[in-house]
Protein backbone atom coordinates (compact mmCIF):
# COMPACT_ATOMS: atom_id res chain seq x y z
CA MET A 1 -11.78 197.29 57.87
CA ASN A 2 -11.40 194.06 59.83
CA ALA A 3 -11.77 195.91 63.13
CA ASP A 4 -15.08 197.39 61.89
CA LEU A 5 -16.34 193.97 60.96
CA ALA A 6 -15.28 192.52 64.33
CA TYR A 7 -17.08 195.38 66.09
CA LEU A 8 -20.23 194.74 64.02
CA VAL A 9 -20.14 190.99 64.74
CA GLY A 10 -19.44 191.64 68.40
CA THR A 11 -22.36 194.03 68.64
CA ALA A 12 -24.71 191.57 66.91
CA ILE A 13 -23.59 188.81 69.30
CA ARG A 14 -24.17 191.12 72.31
CA VAL A 15 -27.68 192.06 71.09
CA TYR A 16 -28.55 188.39 70.51
CA THR A 17 -27.31 187.59 73.99
CA TYR A 18 -29.58 190.25 75.43
CA LEU A 19 -32.48 188.76 73.49
CA ILE A 20 -31.77 185.33 74.94
CA VAL A 21 -31.60 186.75 78.46
CA GLY A 22 -34.89 188.56 77.85
CA ARG A 23 -36.50 185.34 76.74
CA ALA A 24 -35.12 183.44 79.73
CA LEU A 25 -36.39 186.07 82.16
CA GLY A 26 -39.70 186.27 80.30
CA SER A 27 -40.24 182.55 80.71
CA PHE A 28 -40.83 183.19 84.43
CA PHE A 29 -43.51 185.81 83.86
CA ILE A 30 -45.07 185.48 80.39
CA LYS A 31 -47.71 182.80 79.81
CA ASP A 32 -48.85 183.79 76.32
CA TRP A 33 -45.99 183.90 73.78
CA SER A 34 -48.30 184.25 70.77
CA ARG A 35 -48.18 188.00 70.12
CA GLY A 36 -46.11 191.16 70.47
CA ILE A 37 -42.69 191.31 72.01
CA PRO A 38 -42.85 187.78 73.51
CA ARG A 39 -43.52 186.33 70.08
CA PHE A 40 -40.62 188.31 68.63
CA LEU A 41 -38.29 187.05 71.37
CA TYR A 42 -39.44 183.47 70.78
CA GLU A 43 -39.08 183.57 67.00
CA VAL A 44 -35.66 185.24 67.08
CA THR A 45 -34.10 183.07 69.78
CA GLU A 46 -35.69 179.67 69.13
CA PRO A 47 -33.38 178.66 66.28
CA ALA A 48 -30.28 178.86 68.49
CA LEU A 49 -31.98 177.49 71.62
CA GLY A 50 -33.63 174.71 69.69
CA LEU A 51 -30.26 173.67 68.27
CA VAL A 52 -28.75 173.55 71.78
CA ARG A 53 -31.82 171.67 73.06
CA ARG A 54 -31.33 168.99 70.39
CA PHE A 55 -27.98 168.07 71.99
CA ILE A 56 -28.73 168.85 75.61
CA PRO A 57 -32.42 168.34 76.47
CA PRO A 58 -33.98 169.82 79.63
CA ILE A 59 -32.85 168.02 82.78
CA SER A 60 -35.54 167.50 85.46
CA GLY A 61 -37.63 170.20 83.82
CA ILE A 62 -34.80 172.77 83.80
CA ASP A 63 -33.81 174.11 80.43
CA PHE A 64 -30.13 174.91 80.34
CA SER A 65 -30.16 175.89 76.64
CA PRO A 66 -30.13 179.71 77.27
CA MET A 67 -27.11 179.41 79.56
CA ILE A 68 -25.23 177.17 77.12
CA ALA A 69 -26.11 179.44 74.20
CA ILE A 70 -24.86 182.49 76.04
CA ILE A 71 -21.58 180.72 76.90
CA ALA A 72 -21.16 179.68 73.25
CA LEU A 73 -21.89 183.23 72.06
CA SER A 74 -19.39 184.58 74.55
CA LEU A 75 -16.71 182.20 73.27
CA LEU A 76 -17.56 183.16 69.71
CA SER A 77 -17.30 186.84 70.55
CA GLY A 78 -13.90 186.31 72.17
CA TRP A 79 -12.70 184.33 69.18
CA VAL A 80 -13.83 187.05 66.74
CA THR A 81 -12.10 189.73 68.85
CA GLN A 82 -8.86 187.76 69.18
CA SER A 83 -8.70 186.91 65.50
CA VAL A 84 -8.75 190.60 64.56
CA LEU A 85 -6.01 191.56 67.03
């Protein structure tokens, strides 16, 4: 039972990480985030990225919040996996 829960949480973290990567890559190409998939990416990832941005604002116009959020999610995923084993 615990292994199934860990797998589910790990999968959810992996999917969220992919969404953050998609948003970060999209920021180079997408100008209008008001509809469709860009809006979905923005609305789903902004709570986590906004939280990181509150503590570490963009430096010289470079937003490090996606990278920091991915590192935090990776650490969380490792912690969940290790706690089950």
